[in-house]
Amino acid sequence: MDQLVPIEGIEAKILLIRGQKVMLDRDLAELYEVPTKRLNEQVKRNVKRFPEDFMFQLTKEERLEVVAICDHLKPLKHSSQLPYAFTEQGVLMLSSVLNSERAILVNIQIMRTFTKLRRILASHEDLRKKIEAMENKYDIQFKAVFDAIKSLMSPPTKE
């Protein structure tokens, strides 16, 4: 079966905000081929389905930060509206309020993408544990090598 939306296209739209992997309303609307305004209207009509751990609104500072790191979000820079961010559970809940055939198929692909990312992160953690075990076995000569490997594996820090 051909993919409606390639996983790579979805992965590029998953952001880390407030320590959570999320997708913005604008990107979801684009994937579902509906205006962002319509997507948000459906969410507001069903607001009880979207608690804070499913969806939250970005602050002005967060909006500027995502605009700075994501070229495709540049139009948000001067928008009067602050975008909404949907966690994996929020994206899943969208499937219950957006009933088009495309929305259903896109949601399936998004869920597969989140699952793939979780598997990658789990294998990353396994690799980190193996490196630490090896580090404990070898002497101080290899400390610099292990430190370099760990620094490459750790996520970038905010400065």
N, C-alpha and C. Protein backbone atom coordinates (compact mmCIF):
# COMPACT_ATOMS: atom_id res chain seq x y z
N MET A 1 0.85 -1.19 0.00
CA MET A 1 0.00 0.00 0.00
C MET A 1 0.89 1.25 0.00
N ASP A 2 0.60 2.17 -0.88
CA ASP A 2 1.35 3.42 -0.91
C ASP A 2 1.03 4.24 0.33
N GLN A 3 2.03 4.91 0.83
CA GLN A 3 1.82 5.77 1.98
C GLN A 3 1.20 7.08 1.52
N LEU A 4 0.16 7.48 2.22
CA LEU A 4 -0.50 8.74 1.92
C LEU A 4 0.46 9.90 2.19
N VAL A 5 1.15 9.79 3.32
CA VAL A 5 2.15 10.78 3.71
C VAL A 5 3.39 10.01 4.13
N PRO A 6 4.55 10.29 3.53
CA PRO A 6 5.76 9.56 3.92
C PRO A 6 6.11 9.82 5.39
N ILE A 7 6.60 8.78 6.04
CA ILE A 7 6.99 8.89 7.45
C ILE A 7 8.01 10.00 7.65
N GLU A 8 8.92 10.15 6.70
CA GLU A 8 9.95 11.19 6.83
C GLU A 8 9.32 12.58 6.87
N GLY A 9 8.25 12.77 6.09
CA GLY A 9 7.54 14.05 6.09
C GLY A 9 6.88 14.33 7.43
N ILE A 10 6.40 13.29 8.06
CA ILE A 10 5.78 13.44 9.38
C ILE A 10 6.85 13.67 10.44
N GLU A 11 7.93 12.90 10.38
CA GLU A 11 9.02 13.05 11.35
C GLU A 11 9.53 14.48 11.40
N ALA A 12 9.60 15.11 10.24
CA ALA A 12 10.11 16.49 10.17
C ALA A 12 9.18 17.48 10.86
N LYS A 13 7.94 17.10 11.07
CA LYS A 13 6.96 17.99 11.68
C LYS A 13 6.76 17.71 13.18
N ILE A 14 7.44 16.71 13.70
CA ILE A 14 7.36 16.42 15.13
C ILE A 14 8.43 17.23 15.84
N LEU A 15 8.00 18.05 16.78
CA LEU A 15 8.88 18.96 17.50
C LEU A 15 8.95 18.58 18.97
N LEU A 16 10.01 18.99 19.62
CA LEU A 16 10.14 18.78 21.06
C LEU A 16 9.89 20.13 21.73
N ILE A 17 8.73 20.24 22.39
CA ILE A 17 8.35 21.47 23.09
C ILE A 17 7.90 21.08 24.49
N ARG A 18 8.40 21.78 25.49
CA ARG A 18 8.10 21.49 26.91
C ARG A 18 8.41 20.04 27.25
N GLY A 19 9.45 19.51 26.64
CA GLY A 19 9.87 18.15 26.92
C GLY A 19 8.97 17.08 26.32
N GLN A 20 8.07 17.46 25.43
CA GLN A 20 7.15 16.50 24.81
C GLN A 20 7.27 16.55 23.29
N LYS A 21 7.11 15.39 22.68
CA LYS A 21 7.06 15.35 21.22
C LYS A 21 5.65 15.77 20.81
N VAL A 22 5.57 16.81 19.98
CA VAL A 22 4.27 17.36 19.58
C VAL A 22 4.26 17.69 18.09
N MET A 23 3.06 17.91 17.59
CA MET A 23 2.86 18.42 16.24
C MET A 23 1.98 19.65 16.35
N LEU A 24 2.29 20.67 15.56
CA LEU A 24 1.52 21.91 15.60
C LEU A 24 0.25 21.81 14.75
N ASP A 25 -0.75 22.58 15.17
CA ASP A 25 -2.03 22.58 14.46
C ASP A 25 -1.86 22.87 12.98
N ARG A 26 -0.97 23.78 12.66
CA ARG A 26 -0.74 24.17 11.27
C ARG A 26 -0.25 23.00 10.43
N ASP A 27 0.70 22.23 10.98
CA ASP A 27 1.24 21.07 10.27
C ASP A 27 0.20 19.96 10.14
N LEU A 28 -0.55 19.74 11.20
CA LEU A 28 -1.60 18.72 11.14
C LEU A 28 -2.66 19.08 10.11
N ALA A 29 -3.07 20.33 10.11
CA ALA A 29 -4.08 20.78 9.14
C ALA A 29 -3.57 20.57 7.72
N GLU A 30 -2.30 20.87 7.50
CA GLU A 30 -1.72 20.66 6.17
C GLU A 30 -1.77 19.19 5.78
N LEU A 31 -1.40 18.31 6.71
CA LEU A 31 -1.43 16.87 6.43
C LEU A 31 -2.86 16.38 6.15
N TYR A 32 -3.82 16.91 6.91
CA TYR A 32 -5.23 16.50 6.74
C TYR A 32 -5.90 17.20 5.56
N GLU A 33 -5.19 18.19 4.99
CA GLU A 33 -5.71 18.99 3.88
C GLU A 33 -6.99 19.74 4.27
N VAL A 34 -6.93 20.37 5.44
CA VAL A 34 -8.00 21.25 5.90
C VAL A 34 -7.37 22.55 6.39
N PRO A 35 -8.11 23.65 6.36
CA PRO A 35 -7.56 24.89 6.92
C PRO A 35 -7.32 24.75 8.43
N THR A 36 -6.26 25.37 8.91
CA THR A 36 -5.96 25.32 10.35
C THR A 36 -7.14 25.81 11.17
N LYS A 37 -7.81 26.84 10.68
CA LYS A 37 -8.97 27.39 11.38
C LYS A 37 -10.05 26.31 11.57
N ARG A 38 -10.29 25.50 10.56
CA ARG A 38 -11.31 24.44 10.66
C ARG A 38 -10.90 23.36 11.65
N LEU A 39 -9.62 23.00 11.63
CA LEU A 39 -9.13 22.00 12.58
C LEU A 39 -9.35 22.50 14.00
N ASN A 40 -8.96 23.74 14.25
CA ASN A 40 -9.11 24.30 15.60
C ASN A 40 -10.57 24.47 16.00
N GLU A 41 -11.45 24.75 15.05
CA GLU A 41 -12.88 24.82 15.36
C GLU A 41 -13.40 23.48 15.85
N GLN A 42 -12.98 22.40 15.18
CA GLN A 42 -13.41 21.06 15.60
C GLN A 42 -12.88 20.74 17.00
N VAL A 43 -11.66 21.15 17.27
CA VAL A 43 -11.08 20.92 18.60
C VAL A 43 -11.88 21.69 19.65
N LYS A 44 -12.20 22.95 19.37
CA LYS A 44 -12.93 23.78 20.33
C LYS A 44 -14.34 23.24 20.57
N ARG A 45 -14.94 22.66 19.55
CA ARG A 45 -16.27 22.06 19.72
C ARG A 45 -16.21 20.82 20.60
N ASN A 46 -15.04 20.23 20.70
CA ASN A 46 -14.84 19.00 21.47
C ASN A 46 -13.76 19.18 22.52
N VAL A 47 -13.72 20.35 23.12
CA VAL A 47 -12.62 20.73 24.01
C VAL A 47 -12.42 19.74 25.17
N LYS A 48 -13.46 19.07 25.62
CA LYS A 48 -13.31 18.11 26.74
C LYS A 48 -12.45 16.91 26.35
N ARG A 49 -12.30 16.67 25.08
CA ARG A 49 -11.48 15.56 24.60
C ARG A 49 -9.99 15.90 24.58
N PHE A 50 -9.66 17.16 24.85
CA PHE A 50 -8.28 17.63 24.72
C PHE A 50 -7.76 18.28 26.00
N PRO A 51 -7.49 17.47 27.03
CA PRO A 51 -6.91 18.04 28.25
C PRO A 51 -5.49 18.54 27.96
N GLU A 52 -4.90 19.21 28.92
CA GLU A 52 -3.59 19.85 28.74
C GLU A 52 -2.48 18.88 28.34
N ASP A 53 -2.58 17.62 28.75
CA ASP A 53 -1.54 16.67 28.35
C ASP A 53 -1.76 16.12 26.94
N PHE A 54 -2.86 16.51 26.28
CA PHE A 54 -3.12 16.15 24.90
C PHE A 54 -2.85 17.33 23.96
N MET A 55 -3.05 18.55 24.46
CA MET A 55 -2.93 19.74 23.63
C MET A 55 -2.65 20.95 24.51
N PHE A 56 -1.80 21.85 24.03
CA PHE A 56 -1.57 23.10 24.74
C PHE A 56 -1.24 24.18 23.71
N GLN A 57 -1.44 25.42 24.13
CA GLN A 57 -1.14 26.54 23.25
C GLN A 57 0.27 27.04 23.54
N LEU A 58 1.03 27.30 22.48
CA LEU A 58 2.38 27.80 22.64
C LEU A 58 2.35 29.23 23.18
N THR A 59 3.39 29.58 23.91
CA THR A 59 3.56 30.97 24.34
C THR A 59 4.20 31.73 23.17
N LYS A 60 4.24 33.04 23.28
CA LYS A 60 4.88 33.85 22.24
C LYS A 60 6.35 33.46 22.08
N GLU A 61 7.02 33.22 23.21
CA GLU A 61 8.43 32.85 23.17
C GLU A 61 8.63 31.50 22.49
N GLU A 62 7.76 30.54 22.80
CA GLU A 62 7.86 29.23 22.17
C GLU A 62 7.61 29.33 20.66
N ARG A 63 6.65 30.16 20.29
CA ARG A 63 6.37 30.35 18.86
C ARG A 63 7.61 30.90 18.16
N LEU A 64 8.23 31.91 18.74
CA LEU A 64 9.44 32.49 18.13
C LEU A 64 10.57 31.46 18.03
N GLU A 65 10.67 30.62 19.04
CA GLU A 65 11.71 29.59 19.04
C GLU A 65 11.50 28.58 17.92
N VAL A 66 10.26 28.10 17.73
CA VAL A 66 10.01 27.12 16.66
C VAL A 66 10.15 27.77 15.29
N VAL A 67 9.78 29.03 15.17
CA VAL A 67 9.95 29.75 13.89
C VAL A 67 11.44 29.85 13.56
N ALA A 68 12.25 30.07 14.58
CA ALA A 68 13.70 30.22 14.37
C ALA A 68 14.36 28.91 13.93
N ILE A 69 13.85 27.78 14.39
CA ILE A 69 14.49 26.51 14.05
C ILE A 69 13.83 25.75 12.91
N CYS A 70 12.62 26.14 12.52
CA CYS A 70 11.89 25.42 11.47
C CYS A 70 11.53 26.36 10.33
N ASP A 71 12.20 26.21 9.23
CA ASP A 71 11.96 27.10 8.09
C ASP A 71 10.51 27.09 7.63
N HIS A 72 9.88 25.92 7.67
CA HIS A 72 8.50 25.85 7.17
C HIS A 72 7.50 26.57 8.07
N LEU A 73 7.92 26.99 9.24
CA LEU A 73 7.02 27.70 10.16
C LEU A 73 7.22 29.21 10.15
N LYS A 74 8.02 29.71 9.25
CA LYS A 74 8.28 31.17 9.17
C LYS A 74 7.00 32.00 9.10
N PRO A 75 5.94 31.54 8.39
CA PRO A 75 4.70 32.35 8.35
C PRO A 75 4.07 32.59 9.73
N LEU A 76 4.42 31.76 10.72
CA LEU A 76 3.87 31.95 12.07
C LEU A 76 4.47 33.16 12.78
N LYS A 77 5.62 33.63 12.31
CA LYS A 77 6.34 34.70 13.00
C LYS A 77 5.46 35.92 13.24
N HIS A 78 4.68 36.31 12.27
CA HIS A 78 3.87 37.52 12.39
C HIS A 78 2.38 37.22 12.57
N SER A 79 2.06 35.98 12.85
CA SER A 79 0.66 35.60 13.05
C SER A 79 0.15 36.18 14.37
N SER A 80 -1.11 36.58 14.37
CA SER A 80 -1.70 37.10 15.61
C SER A 80 -2.16 35.95 16.51
N GLN A 81 -2.24 34.74 15.94
CA GLN A 81 -2.68 33.57 16.69
C GLN A 81 -1.49 32.75 17.18
N LEU A 82 -1.57 32.28 18.41
CA LEU A 82 -0.55 31.37 18.91
C LEU A 82 -0.98 29.95 18.53
N PRO A 83 -0.07 29.17 17.99
CA PRO A 83 -0.44 27.82 17.55
C PRO A 83 -0.69 26.88 18.73
N TYR A 84 -1.45 25.83 18.43
CA TYR A 84 -1.69 24.76 19.40
C TYR A 84 -0.75 23.61 19.07
N ALA A 85 -0.26 22.96 20.11
CA ALA A 85 0.61 21.80 19.97
C ALA A 85 -0.15 20.58 20.47
N PHE A 86 -0.12 19.51 19.70
CA PHE A 86 -0.81 18.27 20.05
C PHE A 86 0.21 17.19 20.34
N THR A 87 0.08 16.56 21.51
CA THR A 87 0.93 15.43 21.85
C THR A 87 0.43 14.22 21.05
N GLU A 88 1.12 13.12 21.18
CA GLU A 88 0.70 11.90 20.47
C GLU A 88 -0.75 11.55 20.82
N GLN A 89 -1.10 11.66 22.09
CA GLN A 89 -2.48 11.35 22.49
C GLN A 89 -3.46 12.35 21.89
N GLY A 90 -3.06 13.60 21.78
CA GLY A 90 -3.91 14.62 21.18
C GLY A 90 -4.13 14.36 19.70
N VAL A 91 -3.07 13.95 19.01
CA VAL A 91 -3.21 13.61 17.59
C VAL A 91 -4.16 12.43 17.45
N LEU A 92 -4.02 11.45 18.32
CA LEU A 92 -4.92 10.30 18.28
C LEU A 92 -6.37 10.73 18.53
N MET A 93 -6.57 11.64 19.46
CA MET A 93 -7.91 12.13 19.75
C MET A 93 -8.49 12.90 18.56
N LEU A 94 -7.65 13.54 17.78
CA LEU A 94 -8.13 14.24 16.59
C LEU A 94 -8.88 13.30 15.65
N SER A 95 -8.48 12.04 15.63
CA SER A 95 -9.16 11.09 14.74
C SER A 95 -10.61 10.90 15.13
N SER A 96 -10.95 11.22 16.37
CA SER A 96 -12.35 11.06 16.79
C SER A 96 -13.20 12.30 16.46
N VAL A 97 -12.54 13.41 16.14
CA VAL A 97 -13.30 14.62 15.80
C VAL A 97 -13.17 15.00 14.32
N LEU A 98 -12.20 14.43 13.64
CA LEU A 98 -12.05 14.65 12.20
C LEU A 98 -12.36 13.33 11.51
N ASN A 99 -13.44 13.28 10.80
CA ASN A 99 -13.90 11.99 10.29
C ASN A 99 -13.69 11.77 8.80
N SER A 100 -12.95 12.63 8.14
CA SER A 100 -12.73 12.42 6.71
C SER A 100 -11.85 11.19 6.50
N GLU A 101 -11.97 10.60 5.34
CA GLU A 101 -11.16 9.42 4.99
C GLU A 101 -9.67 9.77 5.08
N ARG A 102 -9.30 10.93 4.58
CA ARG A 102 -7.90 11.35 4.62
C ARG A 102 -7.41 11.50 6.06
N ALA A 103 -8.23 12.13 6.92
CA ALA A 103 -7.82 12.32 8.31
C ALA A 103 -7.56 10.97 8.99
N ILE A 104 -8.38 10.01 8.71
CA ILE A 104 -8.21 8.67 9.31
C ILE A 104 -6.90 8.05 8.83
N LEU A 105 -6.66 8.09 7.52
CA LEU A 105 -5.45 7.48 6.96
C LEU A 105 -4.18 8.22 7.41
N VAL A 106 -4.25 9.53 7.45
CA VAL A 106 -3.08 10.31 7.91
C VAL A 106 -2.81 10.03 9.39
N ASN A 107 -3.86 9.93 10.20
CA ASN A 107 -3.66 9.64 11.62
C ASN A 107 -2.98 8.29 11.82
N ILE A 108 -3.35 7.32 11.03
CA ILE A 108 -2.70 6.00 11.12
C ILE A 108 -1.21 6.15 10.84
N GLN A 109 -0.87 6.91 9.82
CA GLN A 109 0.53 7.11 9.47
C GLN A 109 1.27 7.89 10.57
N ILE A 110 0.62 8.86 11.17
CA ILE A 110 1.25 9.62 12.25
C ILE A 110 1.52 8.70 13.45
N MET A 111 0.56 7.84 13.79
CA MET A 111 0.75 6.92 14.91
C MET A 111 1.92 5.98 14.62
N ARG A 112 2.04 5.51 13.39
CA ARG A 112 3.17 4.66 13.02
C ARG A 112 4.49 5.41 13.17
N THR A 113 4.49 6.68 12.84
CA THR A 113 5.71 7.48 12.97
C THR A 113 6.11 7.65 14.43
N PHE A 114 5.14 7.97 15.29
CA PHE A 114 5.45 8.09 16.72
C PHE A 114 5.99 6.77 17.27
N THR A 115 5.42 5.65 16.84
CA THR A 115 5.87 4.34 17.28
C THR A 115 7.31 4.09 16.83
N LYS A 116 7.61 4.45 15.58
CA LYS A 116 8.97 4.29 15.06
C LYS A 116 9.95 5.12 15.88
N LEU A 117 9.59 6.35 16.19
CA LEU A 117 10.48 7.21 16.97
C LEU A 117 10.71 6.64 18.37
N ARG A 118 9.67 6.07 18.97
CA ARG A 118 9.84 5.45 20.30
C ARG A 118 10.82 4.29 20.23
N ARG A 119 10.72 3.48 19.17
CA ARG A 119 11.65 2.35 19.00
C ARG A 119 13.09 2.85 18.85
N ILE A 120 13.27 3.90 18.08
CA ILE A 120 14.62 4.46 17.88
C ILE A 120 15.17 4.96 19.21
N LEU A 121 14.35 5.66 19.98
CA LEU A 121 14.81 6.17 21.28
C LEU A 121 15.13 5.04 22.24
N ALA A 122 14.35 3.96 22.20
CA ALA A 122 14.62 2.82 23.07
C ALA A 122 15.95 2.17 22.71
N SER A 123 16.23 2.01 21.42
CA SER A 123 17.50 1.41 21.02
C SER A 123 18.66 2.34 21.38
N HIS A 124 18.44 3.64 21.32
CA HIS A 124 19.44 4.63 21.71
C HIS A 124 19.78 4.45 23.20
N GLU A 125 18.77 4.24 24.01
CA GLU A 125 18.97 4.04 25.45
C GLU A 125 19.74 2.74 25.70
N ASP A 126 19.39 1.67 24.95
CA ASP A 126 20.10 0.40 25.09
C ASP A 126 21.58 0.57 24.75
N LEU A 127 21.86 1.32 23.69
CA LEU A 127 23.24 1.57 23.28
C LEU A 127 23.99 2.34 24.37
N ARG A 128 23.33 3.33 24.97
CA ARG A 128 23.97 4.11 26.04
C ARG A 128 24.35 3.19 27.20
N LYS A 129 23.45 2.28 27.57
CA LYS A 129 23.73 1.36 28.69
C LYS A 129 24.90 0.43 28.37
N LYS A 130 24.96 -0.04 27.13
CA LYS A 130 26.06 -0.92 26.72
C LYS A 130 27.39 -0.17 26.77
N ILE A 131 27.40 1.06 26.33
CA ILE A 131 28.63 1.86 26.35
C ILE A 131 29.08 2.08 27.80
N GLU A 132 28.12 2.37 28.69
CA GLU A 132 28.49 2.56 30.10
C GLU A 132 29.07 1.29 30.70
N ALA A 133 28.50 0.13 30.33
CA ALA A 133 29.02 -1.14 30.84
C ALA A 133 30.45 -1.37 30.34
N MET A 134 30.68 -1.06 29.06
CA MET A 134 32.04 -1.20 28.51
C MET A 134 33.00 -0.23 29.20
N GLU A 135 32.53 0.96 29.48
CA GLU A 135 33.36 1.98 30.12
C GLU A 135 33.84 1.50 31.49
N ASN A 136 32.96 0.82 32.19
CA ASN A 136 33.32 0.32 33.52
C ASN A 136 34.38 -0.79 33.45
N LYS A 137 34.45 -1.49 32.32
CA LYS A 137 35.41 -2.58 32.15
C LYS A 137 36.81 -2.08 31.83
N TYR A 138 36.91 -0.97 31.11
CA TYR A 138 38.20 -0.53 30.60
C TYR A 138 38.79 0.58 31.45
N ASP A 139 40.08 0.74 31.32
CA ASP A 139 40.78 1.70 32.17
C ASP A 139 40.64 3.14 31.68
N ILE A 140 41.33 4.01 32.35
CA ILE A 140 41.24 5.46 32.15
C ILE A 140 41.65 5.90 30.74
N GLN A 141 42.47 5.09 30.04
CA GLN A 141 42.91 5.44 28.69
C GLN A 141 41.71 5.66 27.75
N PHE A 142 40.66 4.91 27.96
CA PHE A 142 39.51 4.98 27.05
C PHE A 142 38.45 5.98 27.51
N LYS A 143 38.67 6.63 28.63
CA LYS A 143 37.67 7.56 29.16
C LYS A 143 37.33 8.66 28.15
N ALA A 144 38.33 9.22 27.51
CA ALA A 144 38.09 10.29 26.52
C ALA A 144 37.23 9.79 25.37
N VAL A 145 37.46 8.57 24.92
CA VAL A 145 36.67 7.99 23.83
C VAL A 145 35.22 7.84 24.27
N PHE A 146 35.02 7.28 25.45
CA PHE A 146 33.64 7.08 25.94
C PHE A 146 32.94 8.41 26.19
N ASP A 147 33.66 9.39 26.70
CA ASP A 147 33.06 10.71 26.90
C ASP A 147 32.63 11.32 25.57
N ALA A 148 33.45 11.16 24.55
CA ALA A 148 33.11 11.70 23.23
C ALA A 148 31.88 11.01 22.67
N ILE A 149 31.82 9.70 22.80
CA ILE A 149 30.65 8.95 22.30
C ILE A 149 29.39 9.39 23.03
N LYS A 150 29.47 9.52 24.34
CA LYS A 150 28.28 9.93 25.12
C LYS A 150 27.85 11.34 24.75
N SER A 151 28.79 12.22 24.50
CA SER A 151 28.40 13.59 24.15
C SER A 151 27.71 13.62 22.79
N LEU A 152 28.12 12.76 21.89
CA LEU A 152 27.45 12.68 20.59
C LEU A 152 26.04 12.10 20.70
N MET A 153 25.81 11.25 21.68
CA MET A 153 24.51 10.62 21.86
C MET A 153 23.52 11.48 22.62
N SER A 154 24.01 12.40 23.41
CA SER A 154 23.09 13.19 24.24
C SER A 154 22.45 14.28 23.40
N PRO A 155 21.18 14.64 23.73
CA PRO A 155 20.49 15.68 22.97
C PRO A 155 21.16 17.03 23.19
N PRO A 156 21.04 17.91 22.18
CA PRO A 156 21.67 19.24 22.35
C PRO A 156 21.03 19.99 23.51
N THR A 157 21.86 20.77 24.21
CA THR A 157 21.34 21.53 25.35
C THR A 157 21.04 22.94 24.91
N LYS A 158 20.08 23.57 25.60
CA LYS A 158 19.76 24.98 25.34
C LYS A 158 20.85 25.84 25.91
N GLU A 159 21.23 26.84 25.17
CA GLU A 159 22.26 27.75 25.70
C GLU A 159 21.70 29.13 25.81
